[in-house]
């Protein structure tokens, strides 16, 4: 199974998994803001942004949590690529323990 069969939901966009070139975590400018996960995607001039829902607690726990979420994205992308029917990946809501929801296609 090639990564081209994995799709990632980024806001209103659906991008192919093999077009994701990089994952970065932003620093929030203000205390009320959340960390953003930014994806650099082939064919998009600007980075695509995902709101992680994680706030900066100024103690490092928020940064650690969102870094783990970004790392889990890479793992989820690899698991999706191994699925025989392809996959759709999206950042889940607060009820989702893993953060990333992996759905089989087909």
PDB file of N, CA and C in Angstrom:
ATOM      1  N   UNK A   1       0.849  -1.175   0.000  1.00  0.00           N
ATOM      2  CA  UNK A   1       0.000   0.000   0.000  1.00  0.00           C
ATOM      3  C   UNK A   1       0.891   1.234   0.000  1.00  0.00           C
ATOM      4  N   UNK A   2       0.693   2.097  -0.931  1.00  0.00           N
ATOM      5  CA  UNK A   2       1.476   3.318  -1.041  1.00  0.00           C
ATOM      6  C   UNK A   2       0.811   4.439  -0.249  1.00  0.00           C
ATOM      7  N   UNK A   3       1.593   5.411   0.157  1.00  0.00           N
ATOM      8  CA  UNK A   3       1.052   6.533   0.903  1.00  0.00           C
ATOM      9  C   UNK A   3       0.046   7.332   0.087  1.00  0.00           C
ATOM     10  N   UNK A   4       0.062   7.179  -1.221  1.00  0.00           N
ATOM     11  CA  UNK A   4      -0.880   7.930  -2.031  1.00  0.00           C
ATOM     12  C   UNK A   4      -2.319   7.534  -1.743  1.00  0.00           C
ATOM     13  N   UNK A   5      -2.503   6.397  -1.066  1.00  0.00           N
ATOM     14  CA  UNK A   5      -3.831   5.932  -0.716  1.00  0.00           C
ATOM     15  C   UNK A   5      -4.270   6.416   0.667  1.00  0.00           C
ATOM     16  N   UNK A   6      -3.466   7.265   1.282  1.00  0.00           N
ATOM     17  CA  UNK A   6      -3.797   7.832   2.582  1.00  0.00           C
ATOM     18  C   UNK A   6      -4.136   9.307   2.393  1.00  0.00           C
ATOM     19  N   UNK A   7      -5.264   9.704   2.945  1.00  0.00           N
ATOM     20  CA  UNK A   7      -5.716  11.092   2.863  1.00  0.00           C
ATOM     21  C   UNK A   7      -5.742  11.685   4.255  1.00  0.00           C
ATOM     22  N   UNK A   8      -5.406  12.965   4.338  1.00  0.00           N
ATOM     23  CA  UNK A   8      -5.368  13.662   5.616  1.00  0.00           C
ATOM     24  C   UNK A   8      -6.311  14.851   5.547  1.00  0.00           C
ATOM     25  N   UNK A   9      -7.215  14.947   6.523  1.00  0.00           N
ATOM     26  CA  UNK A   9      -8.134  16.083   6.612  1.00  0.00           C
ATOM     27  C   UNK A   9      -7.416  17.193   7.376  1.00  0.00           C
ATOM     28  N   UNK A  10      -7.256  18.353   6.726  1.00  0.00           N
ATOM     29  CA  UNK A  10      -6.628  19.523   7.345  1.00  0.00           C
ATOM     30  C   UNK A  10      -7.618  20.672   7.182  1.00  0.00           C
ATOM     31  N   UNK A  11      -8.416  20.920   8.192  1.00  0.00           N
ATOM     32  CA  UNK A  11      -9.452  21.949   8.092  1.00  0.00           C
ATOM     33  C   UNK A  11     -10.434  21.593   6.991  1.00  0.00           C
ATOM     34  N   UNK A  12     -10.555  22.454   5.997  1.00  0.00           N
ATOM     35  CA  UNK A  12     -11.462  22.204   4.876  1.00  0.00           C
ATOM     36  C   UNK A  12     -10.789  21.440   3.741  1.00  0.00           C
ATOM     37  N   UNK A  13      -9.487  21.186   3.874  1.00  0.00           N
ATOM     38  CA  UNK A  13      -8.723  20.534   2.809  1.00  0.00           C
ATOM     39  C   UNK A  13      -8.536  19.043   3.081  1.00  0.00           C
ATOM     40  N   UNK A  14      -8.495  18.277   2.010  1.00  0.00           N
ATOM     41  CA  UNK A  14      -8.053  16.888   2.048  1.00  0.00           C
ATOM     42  C   UNK A  14      -6.765  16.828   1.246  1.00  0.00           C
ATOM     43  N   UNK A  15      -5.695  16.333   1.866  1.00  0.00           N
ATOM     44  CA  UNK A  15      -4.418  16.225   1.162  1.00  0.00           C
ATOM     45  C   UNK A  15      -3.959  14.781   1.185  1.00  0.00           C
ATOM     46  N   UNK A  16      -3.235  14.397   0.161  1.00  0.00           N
ATOM     47  CA  UNK A  16      -2.692  13.041   0.107  1.00  0.00           C
ATOM     48  C   UNK A  16      -1.538  12.921   1.088  1.00  0.00           C
ATOM     49  N   UNK A  17      -1.439  11.771   1.722  1.00  0.00           N
ATOM     50  CA  UNK A  17      -0.394  11.544   2.709  1.00  0.00           C
ATOM     51  C   UNK A  17       1.001  11.679   2.155  1.00  0.00           C
ATOM     52  N   UNK A  18       1.208  11.307   0.893  1.00  0.00           N
ATOM     53  CA  UNK A  18       2.558  11.382   0.335  1.00  0.00           C
ATOM     54  C   UNK A  18       2.964  12.798  -0.041  1.00  0.00           C
ATOM     55  N   UNK A  19       2.056  13.769   0.099  1.00  0.00           N
ATOM     56  CA  UNK A  19       2.407  15.154  -0.187  1.00  0.00           C
ATOM     57  C   UNK A  19       2.810  15.919   1.073  1.00  0.00           C
ATOM     58  N   UNK A  20       2.681  15.275   2.236  1.00  0.00           N
ATOM     59  CA  UNK A  20       3.084  15.911   3.493  1.00  0.00           C
ATOM     60  C   UNK A  20       4.600  15.833   3.598  1.00  0.00           C
ATOM     61  N   UNK A  21       5.239  16.995   3.596  1.00  0.00           N
ATOM     62  CA  UNK A  21       6.702  17.059   3.628  1.00  0.00           C
ATOM     63  C   UNK A  21       7.258  17.293   5.019  1.00  0.00           C
ATOM     64  N   UNK A  22       6.479  17.902   5.879  1.00  0.00           N
ATOM     65  CA  UNK A  22       6.988  18.205   7.210  1.00  0.00           C
ATOM     66  C   UNK A  22       5.887  18.560   8.181  1.00  0.00           C
ATOM     67  N   UNK A  23       6.169  18.346   9.465  1.00  0.00           N
ATOM     68  CA  UNK A  23       5.237  18.647  10.543  1.00  0.00           C
ATOM     69  C   UNK A  23       5.972  19.521  11.553  1.00  0.00           C
ATOM     70  N   UNK A  24       5.380  20.647  11.907  1.00  0.00           N
ATOM     71  CA  UNK A  24       5.983  21.582  12.847  1.00  0.00           C
ATOM     72  C   UNK A  24       4.931  21.992  13.868  1.00  0.00           C
ATOM     73  N   UNK A  25       5.373  22.302  15.076  1.00  0.00           N
ATOM     74  CA  UNK A  25       4.473  22.797  16.115  1.00  0.00           C
ATOM     75  C   UNK A  25       4.792  24.270  16.353  1.00  0.00           C
ATOM     76  N   UNK A  26       3.759  25.109  16.338  1.00  0.00           N
ATOM     77  CA  UNK A  26       3.956  26.543  16.555  1.00  0.00           C
ATOM     78  C   UNK A  26       3.916  26.872  18.044  1.00  0.00           C
ATOM     79  N   UNK A  27       4.458  28.018  18.389  1.00  0.00           N
ATOM     80  CA  UNK A  27       4.338  28.549  19.743  1.00  0.00           C
ATOM     81  C   UNK A  27       3.174  29.525  19.767  1.00  0.00           C
ATOM     82  N   UNK A  28       2.282  29.378  20.743  1.00  0.00           N
ATOM     83  CA  UNK A  28       1.182  30.347  20.832  1.00  0.00           C
ATOM     84  C   UNK A  28       1.720  31.709  21.274  1.00  0.00           C
ATOM     85  N   UNK A  29       1.166  32.767  20.700  1.00  0.00           N
ATOM     86  CA  UNK A  29       1.617  34.122  21.025  1.00  0.00           C
ATOM     87  C   UNK A  29       1.019  34.622  22.341  1.00  0.00           C
ATOM     88  N   UNK A  30      -0.185  34.153  22.641  1.00  0.00           N
ATOM     89  CA  UNK A  30      -0.894  34.628  23.825  1.00  0.00           C
ATOM     90  C   UNK A  30      -1.357  33.425  24.636  1.00  0.00           C
ATOM     91  N   UNK A  31      -1.572  33.635  25.927  1.00  0.00           N
ATOM     92  CA  UNK A  31      -1.945  32.538  26.829  1.00  0.00           C
ATOM     93  C   UNK A  31      -3.260  31.873  26.425  1.00  0.00           C
ATOM     94  N   UNK A  32      -4.188  32.625  25.862  1.00  0.00           N
ATOM     95  CA  UNK A  32      -5.497  32.061  25.511  1.00  0.00           C
ATOM     96  C   UNK A  32      -5.458  31.259  24.209  1.00  0.00           C
ATOM     97  N   UNK A  33      -4.354  31.287  23.491  1.00  0.00           N
ATOM     98  CA  UNK A  33      -4.256  30.551  22.227  1.00  0.00           C
ATOM     99  C   UNK A  33      -3.786  29.123  22.470  1.00  0.00           C
ATOM    100  N   UNK A  34      -4.046  28.292  21.492  1.00  0.00           N
ATOM    101  CA  UNK A  34      -3.600  26.901  21.548  1.00  0.00           C
ATOM    102  C   UNK A  34      -2.414  26.703  20.612  1.00  0.00           C
ATOM    103  N   UNK A  35      -1.689  25.627  20.848  1.00  0.00           N
ATOM    104  CA  UNK A  35      -0.616  25.253  19.930  1.00  0.00           C
ATOM    105  C   UNK A  35      -1.237  24.866  18.587  1.00  0.00           C
ATOM    106  N   UNK A  36      -0.542  25.165  17.516  1.00  0.00           N
ATOM    107  CA  UNK A  36      -0.974  24.776  16.180  1.00  0.00           C
ATOM    108  C   UNK A  36       0.020  23.760  15.621  1.00  0.00           C
ATOM    109  N   UNK A  37      -0.506  22.777  14.915  1.00  0.00           N
ATOM    110  CA  UNK A  37       0.334  21.826  14.196  1.00  0.00           C
ATOM    111  C   UNK A  37       0.302  22.261  12.740  1.00  0.00           C
ATOM    112  N   UNK A  38       1.471  22.518  12.194  1.00  0.00           N
ATOM    113  CA  UNK A  38       1.561  23.018  10.828  1.00  0.00           C
ATOM    114  C   UNK A  38       2.124  21.923   9.930  1.00  0.00           C
ATOM    115  N   UNK A  39       1.465  21.693   8.815  1.00  0.00           N
ATOM    116  CA  UNK A  39       1.915  20.710   7.839  1.00  0.00           C
ATOM    117  C   UNK A  39       2.404  21.436   6.596  1.00  0.00           C
ATOM    118  N   UNK A  40       3.597  21.118   6.156  1.00  0.00           N
ATOM    119  CA  UNK A  40       4.105  21.603   4.873  1.00  0.00           C
ATOM    120  C   UNK A  40       3.722  20.553   3.853  1.00  0.00           C
ATOM    121  N   UNK A  41       2.958  20.976   2.857  1.00  0.00           N
ATOM    122  CA  UNK A  41       2.384  20.054   1.886  1.00  0.00           C
ATOM    123  C   UNK A  41       2.772  20.484   0.475  1.00  0.00           C
ATOM    124  N   UNK A  42       3.220  19.528  -0.332  1.00  0.00           N
ATOM    125  CA  UNK A  42       3.536  19.795  -1.734  1.00  0.00           C
ATOM    126  C   UNK A  42       2.303  20.387  -2.425  1.00  0.00           C
ATOM    127  N   UNK A  43       2.522  21.436  -3.200  1.00  0.00           N
ATOM    128  CA  UNK A  43       1.425  22.057  -3.936  1.00  0.00           C
ATOM    129  C   UNK A  43       0.732  23.172  -3.177  1.00  0.00           C
ATOM    130  N   UNK A  44       1.103  23.373  -1.921  1.00  0.00           N
ATOM    131  CA  UNK A  44       0.539  24.454  -1.118  1.00  0.00           C
ATOM    132  C   UNK A  44       1.671  25.417  -0.773  1.00  0.00           C
ATOM    133  N   UNK A  45       1.521  26.648  -1.148  1.00  0.00           N
ATOM    134  CA  UNK A  45       2.563  27.637  -0.886  1.00  0.00           C
ATOM    135  C   UNK A  45       2.752  27.842   0.620  1.00  0.00           C
ATOM    136  N   UNK A  46       1.649  27.998   1.329  1.00  0.00           N
ATOM    137  CA  UNK A  46       1.696  28.219   2.776  1.00  0.00           C
ATOM    138  C   UNK A  46       1.468  26.909   3.517  1.00  0.00           C
ATOM    139  N   UNK A  47       1.909  26.895   4.755  1.00  0.00           N
ATOM    140  CA  UNK A  47       1.663  25.718   5.592  1.00  0.00           C
ATOM    141  C   UNK A  47       0.176  25.614   5.895  1.00  0.00           C
ATOM    142  N   UNK A  48      -0.288  24.389   6.069  1.00  0.00           N
ATOM    143  CA  UNK A  48      -1.664  24.159   6.489  1.00  0.00           C
ATOM    144  C   UNK A  48      -1.657  23.993   8.007  1.00  0.00           C
ATOM    145  N   UNK A  49      -2.614  24.591   8.678  1.00  0.00           N
ATOM    146  CA  UNK A  49      -2.623  24.644  10.133  1.00  0.00           C
ATOM    147  C   UNK A  49      -3.741  23.792  10.720  1.00  0.00           C
ATOM    148  N   UNK A  50      -3.407  23.060  11.761  1.00  0.00           N
ATOM    149  CA  UNK A  50      -4.388  22.321  12.548  1.00  0.00           C
ATOM    150  C   UNK A  50      -4.334  22.856  13.975  1.00  0.00           C
ATOM    151  N   UNK A  51      -5.473  23.181  14.531  1.00  0.00           N
ATOM    152  CA  UNK A  51      -5.527  23.618  15.920  1.00  0.00           C
ATOM    153  C   UNK A  51      -5.485  22.372  16.795  1.00  0.00           C
ATOM    154  N   UNK A  52      -4.457  22.243  17.631  1.00  0.00           N
ATOM    155  CA  UNK A  52      -4.297  21.039  18.448  1.00  0.00           C
ATOM    156  C   UNK A  52      -5.281  20.987  19.603  1.00  0.00           C
ATOM    157  N   UNK A  53      -5.806  22.136  20.005  1.00  0.00           N
ATOM    158  CA  UNK A  53      -6.686  22.177  21.167  1.00  0.00           C
ATOM    159  C   UNK A  53      -5.920  22.182  22.481  1.00  0.00           C
ATOM    160  N   UNK A  54      -4.594  22.151  22.419  1.00  0.00           N
ATOM    161  CA  UNK A  54      -3.753  22.116  23.611  1.00  0.00           C
ATOM    162  C   UNK A  54      -3.262  23.533  23.912  1.00  0.00           C
ATOM    163  N   UNK A  55      -3.502  23.982  25.126  1.00  0.00           N
ATOM    164  CA  UNK A  55      -3.060  25.312  25.541  1.00  0.00           C
ATOM    165  C   UNK A  55      -1.685  25.240  26.202  1.00  0.00           C
ATOM    166  N   UNK A  56      -0.953  26.334  26.091  1.00  0.00           N
ATOM    167  CA  UNK A  56       0.358  26.445  26.730  1.00  0.00           C
ATOM    168  C   UNK A  56       0.143  26.677  28.219  1.00  0.00           C
ATOM    169  N   UNK A  57       0.665  25.779  29.042  1.00  0.00           N
ATOM    170  CA  UNK A  57       0.512  25.927  30.488  1.00  0.00           C
ATOM    171  C   UNK A  57       1.725  26.601  31.129  1.00  0.00           C
ATOM    172  N   UNK A  58       2.688  26.990  30.316  1.00  0.00           N
ATOM    173  CA  UNK A  58       3.917  27.651  30.756  1.00  0.00           C
ATOM    174  C   UNK A  58       4.737  26.796  31.723  1.00  0.00           C
ATOM    175  N   UNK A  59       4.470  25.487  31.760  1.00  0.00           N
ATOM    176  CA  UNK A  59       5.227  24.570  32.603  1.00  0.00           C
ATOM    177  C   UNK A  59       5.836  23.450  31.764  1.00  0.00           C
ATOM    178  N   UNK A  60       5.556  23.474  30.474  1.00  0.00           N
ATOM    179  CA  UNK A  60       6.126  22.490  29.569  1.00  0.00           C
ATOM    180  C   UNK A  60       5.223  21.314  29.251  1.00  0.00           C
ATOM    181  N   UNK A  61       4.194  21.089  30.050  1.00  0.00           N
ATOM    182  CA  UNK A  61       3.313  19.941  29.814  1.00  0.00           C
ATOM    183  C   UNK A  61       2.521  20.096  28.519  1.00  0.00           C
ATOM    184  N   UNK A  62       2.067  21.315  28.228  1.00  0.00           N
ATOM    185  CA  UNK A  62       1.316  21.546  26.993  1.00  0.00           C
ATOM    186  C   UNK A  62       2.179  21.307  25.780  1.00  0.00           C
ATOM    187  N   UNK A  63       3.410  21.803  25.813  1.00  0.00           N
ATOM    188  CA  UNK A  63       4.352  21.604  24.703  1.00  0.00           C
ATOM    189  C   UNK A  63       4.641  20.113  24.528  1.00  0.00           C
ATOM    190  N   UNK A  64       4.838  19.420  25.625  1.00  0.00           N
ATOM    191  CA  UNK A  64       5.109  17.982  25.564  1.00  0.00           C
ATOM    192  C   UNK A  64       3.930  17.225  24.964  1.00  0.00           C
ATOM    193  N   UNK A  65       2.729  17.620  25.356  1.00  0.00           N
ATOM    194  CA  UNK A  65       1.524  16.963  24.852  1.00  0.00           C
ATOM    195  C   UNK A  65       1.359  17.177  23.337  1.00  0.00           C
ATOM    196  N   UNK A  66       1.561  18.397  22.871  1.00  0.00           N
ATOM    197  CA  UNK A  66       1.375  18.673  21.442  1.00  0.00           C
ATOM    198  C   UNK A  66       2.514  18.075  20.618  1.00  0.00           C
ATOM    199  N   UNK A  67       3.720  18.008  21.169  1.00  0.00           N
ATOM    200  CA  UNK A  67       4.812  17.326  20.466  1.00  0.00           C
ATOM    201  C   UNK A  67       4.496  15.847  20.301  1.00  0.00           C
ATOM    202  N   UNK A  68       3.927  15.238  21.340  1.00  0.00           N
ATOM    203  CA  UNK A  68       3.520  13.827  21.261  1.00  0.00           C
ATOM    204  C   UNK A  68       2.419  13.658  20.213  1.00  0.00           C
ATOM    205  N   UNK A  69       1.525  14.624  20.114  1.00  0.00           N
ATOM    206  CA  UNK A  69       0.461  14.578  19.112  1.00  0.00           C
ATOM    207  C   UNK A  69       1.038  14.663  17.703  1.00  0.00           C
ATOM    208  N   UNK A  70       2.030  15.524  17.502  1.00  0.00           N
ATOM    209  CA  UNK A  70       2.687  15.635  16.196  1.00  0.00           C
ATOM    210  C   UNK A  70       3.431  14.341  15.860  1.00  0.00           C
ATOM    211  N   UNK A  71       4.112  13.752  16.846  1.00  0.00           N
ATOM    212  CA  UNK A  71       4.794  12.471  16.627  1.00  0.00           C
ATOM    213  C   UNK A  71       3.795  11.369  16.284  1.00  0.00           C
ATOM    214  N   UNK A  72       2.648  11.381  16.960  1.00  0.00           N
ATOM    215  CA  UNK A  72       1.620  10.375  16.707  1.00  0.00           C
ATOM    216  C   UNK A  72       1.059  10.500  15.291  1.00  0.00           C
ATOM    217  N   UNK A  73       1.095  11.706  14.720  1.00  0.00           N
ATOM    218  CA  UNK A  73       0.638  11.888  13.350  1.00  0.00           C
ATOM    219  C   UNK A  73       1.473  11.045  12.390  1.00  0.00           C
ATOM    220  N   UNK A  74       2.791  11.067  12.590  1.00  0.00           N
ATOM    221  CA  UNK A  74       3.692  10.302  11.721  1.00  0.00           C
ATOM    222  C   UNK A  74       3.384   8.810  11.849  1.00  0.00           C
ATOM    223  N   UNK A  75       3.166   8.340  13.067  1.00  0.00           N
ATOM    224  CA  UNK A  75       2.831   6.936  13.287  1.00  0.00           C
ATOM    225  C   UNK A  75       1.491   6.592  12.639  1.00  0.00           C
ATOM    226  N   UNK A  76       0.513   7.471  12.779  1.00  0.00           N
ATOM    227  CA  UNK A  76      -0.810   7.238  12.186  1.00  0.00           C
ATOM    228  C   UNK A  76      -0.733   7.217  10.667  1.00  0.00           C
ATOM    229  N   UNK A  77       0.091   8.083  10.100  1.00  0.00           N
ATOM    230  CA  UNK A  77       0.292   8.102   8.650  1.00  0.00           C
ATOM    231  C   UNK A  77       0.880   6.772   8.179  1.00  0.00           C
ATOM    232  N   UNK A  78       1.839   6.240   8.901  1.00  0.00           N
ATOM    233  CA  UNK A  78       2.453   4.953   8.548  1.00  0.00           C
ATOM    234  C   UNK A  78       1.442   3.814   8.696  1.00  0.00           C
ATOM    235  N   UNK A  79       0.645   3.834   9.749  1.00  0.00           N
ATOM    236  CA  UNK A  79      -0.371   2.787   9.923  1.00  0.00           C
ATOM    237  C   UNK A  79      -1.416   2.859   8.814  1.00  0.00           C
ATOM    238  N   UNK A  80      -1.782   4.075   8.427  1.00  0.00           N
ATOM    239  CA  UNK A  80      -2.741   4.238   7.340  1.00  0.00           C
ATOM    240  C   UNK A  80      -2.193   3.717   6.027  1.00  0.00           C
ATOM    241  N   UNK A  81      -0.899   3.934   5.794  1.00  0.00           N
ATOM    242  CA  UNK A  81      -0.276   3.463   4.556  1.00  0.00           C
ATOM    243  C   UNK A  81      -0.223   1.939   4.507  1.00  0.00           C
ATOM    244  N   UNK A  82      -0.256   1.298   5.663  1.00  0.00           N
ATOM    245  CA  UNK A  82      -0.220  -0.167   5.709  1.00  0.00           C
ATOM    246  C   UNK A  82      -1.600  -0.797   5.547  1.00  0.00           C
ATOM    247  N   UNK A  83      -2.635  -0.006   5.573  1.00  0.00           N
ATOM    248  CA  UNK A  83      -3.989  -0.543   5.437  1.00  0.00           C
ATOM    249  C   UNK A  83      -4.252  -0.911   3.974  1.00  0.00           C
ATOM    250  N   UNK A  84      -4.777  -2.093   3.732  1.00  0.00           N
ATOM    251  CA  UNK A  84      -4.960  -2.548   2.347  1.00  0.00           C
ATOM    252  C   UNK A  84      -5.936  -1.715   1.527  1.00  0.00           C
ATOM    253  N   UNK A  85      -6.906  -1.080   2.169  1.00  0.00           N
ATOM    254  CA  UNK A  85      -7.897  -0.316   1.405  1.00  0.00           C
ATOM    255  C   UNK A  85      -7.631   1.182   1.417  1.00  0.00           C
ATOM    256  N   UNK A  86      -6.515   1.612   2.014  1.00  0.00           N
ATOM    257  CA  UNK A  86      -6.242   3.036   2.145  1.00  0.00           C
ATOM    258  C   UNK A  86      -6.883   3.576   3.406  1.00  0.00           C
ATOM    259  N   UNK A  87      -6.661   4.854   3.686  1.00  0.00           N
ATOM    260  CA  UNK A  87      -7.140   5.402   4.948  1.00  0.00           C
ATOM    261  C   UNK A  87      -7.378   6.897   4.860  1.00  0.00           C
ATOM    262  N   UNK A  88      -8.190   7.369   5.786  1.00  0.00           N
ATOM    263  CA  UNK A  88      -8.415   8.789   6.007  1.00  0.00           C
ATOM    264  C   UNK A  88      -7.977   9.089   7.432  1.00  0.00           C
ATOM    265  N   UNK A  89      -7.192  10.145   7.610  1.00  0.00           N
ATOM    266  CA  UNK A  89      -6.712  10.549   8.927  1.00  0.00           C
ATOM    267  C   UNK A  89      -7.263  11.935   9.218  1.00  0.00           C
ATOM    268  N   UNK A  90      -7.755  12.109  10.436  1.00  0.00           N
ATOM    269  CA  UNK A  90      -8.198  13.435  10.856  1.00  0.00           C
ATOM    270  C   UNK A  90      -7.876  13.602  12.335  1.00  0.00           C
ATOM    271  N   UNK A  91      -7.717  14.837  12.736  1.00  0.00           N
ATOM    272  CA  UNK A  91      -7.505  15.139  14.139  1.00  0.00           C
ATOM    273  C   UNK A  91      -8.848  15.035  14.831  1.00  0.00           C
ATOM    274  N   UNK A  92      -8.920  14.177  15.830  1.00  0.00           N
ATOM    275  CA  UNK A  92     -10.188  13.925  16.506  1.00  0.00           C
ATOM    276  C   UNK A  92     -10.577  15.034  17.465  1.00  0.00           C
ATOM    277  N   UNK A  93     -11.750  14.879  18.012  1.00  0.00           N
ATOM    278  CA  UNK A  93     -12.250  15.835  18.996  1.00  0.00           C
ATOM    279  C   UNK A  93     -11.708  15.479  20.379  1.00  0.00           C
ATOM    280  N   UNK A  94     -12.118  16.216  21.378  1.00  0.00           N
ATOM    281  CA  UNK A  94     -11.645  15.982  22.745  1.00  0.00           C
ATOM    282  C   UNK A  94     -11.994  14.584  23.262  1.00  0.00           C
ATOM    283  N   UNK A  95     -13.028  13.978  22.723  1.00  0.00           N
ATOM    284  CA  UNK A  95     -13.452  12.657  23.183  1.00  0.00           C
ATOM    285  C   UNK A  95     -12.523  11.542  22.697  1.00  0.00           C
ATOM    286  N   UNK A  96     -11.759  11.808  21.662  1.00  0.00           N
ATOM    287  CA  UNK A  96     -10.852  10.799  21.102  1.00  0.00           C
ATOM    288  C   UNK A  96      -9.559  10.758  21.914  1.00  0.00           C
ATOM    289  N   UNK A  97      -9.269   9.607  22.509  1.00  0.00           N
ATOM    290  CA  UNK A  97      -8.085   9.476  23.355  1.00  0.00           C
ATOM    291  C   UNK A  97      -6.792   9.642  22.585  1.00  0.00           C
ATOM    292  N   UNK A  98      -6.720   9.088  21.384  1.00  0.00           N
ATOM    293  CA  UNK A  98      -5.475   9.069  20.644  1.00  0.00           C
ATOM    294  C   UNK A  98      -5.153  10.400  19.977  1.00  0.00           C
ATOM    295  N   UNK A  99      -6.135  11.231  19.780  1.00  0.00           N
ATOM    296  CA  UNK A  99      -5.934  12.484  19.072  1.00  0.00           C
ATOM    297  C   UNK A  99      -6.205  12.338  17.585  1.00  0.00           C
ATOM    298  N   UNK A 100      -5.627  11.316  16.960  1.00  0.00           N
ATOM    299  CA  UNK A 100      -5.796  11.095  15.531  1.00  0.00           C
ATOM    300  C   UNK A 100      -6.779   9.955  15.305  1.00  0.00           C
ATOM    301  N   UNK A 101      -7.699  10.167  14.375  1.00  0.00           N
ATOM    302  CA  UNK A 101      -8.679   9.140  14.038  1.00  0.00           C
ATOM    303  C   UNK A 101      -8.303   8.594  12.664  1.00  0.00           C
ATOM    304  N   UNK A 102      -8.149   7.292  12.592  1.00  0.00           N
ATOM    305  CA  UNK A 102      -7.770   6.602  11.361  1.00  0.00           C
ATOM    306  C   UNK A 102      -8.968   5.798  10.891  1.00  0.00           C
ATOM    307  N   UNK A 103      -9.461   6.109   9.696  1.00  0.00           N
ATOM    308  CA  UNK A 103     -10.620   5.409   9.129  1.00  0.00           C
ATOM    309  C   UNK A 103     -10.205   4.700   7.860  1.00  0.00           C
ATOM    310  N   UNK A 104     -10.666   3.480   7.717  1.00  0.00           N
ATOM    311  CA  UNK A 104     -10.393   2.708   6.522  1.00  0.00           C
ATOM    312  C   UNK A 104     -11.227   3.214   5.353  1.00  0.00           C
ATOM    313  N   UNK A 105     -10.645   3.229   4.165  1.00  0.00           N
ATOM    314  CA  UNK A 105     -11.402   3.599   2.957  1.00  0.00           C
ATOM    315  C   UNK A 105     -11.904   2.334   2.269  1.00  0.00           C
ATOM    316  N   UNK A 106     -13.021   2.447   1.630  1.00  0.00           N
ATOM    317  CA  UNK A 106     -13.507   1.342   0.832  1.00  0.00           C
ATOM    318  C   UNK A 106     -14.353   0.368   1.495  1.00  0.00           C
TER     319      UNK A 106
END
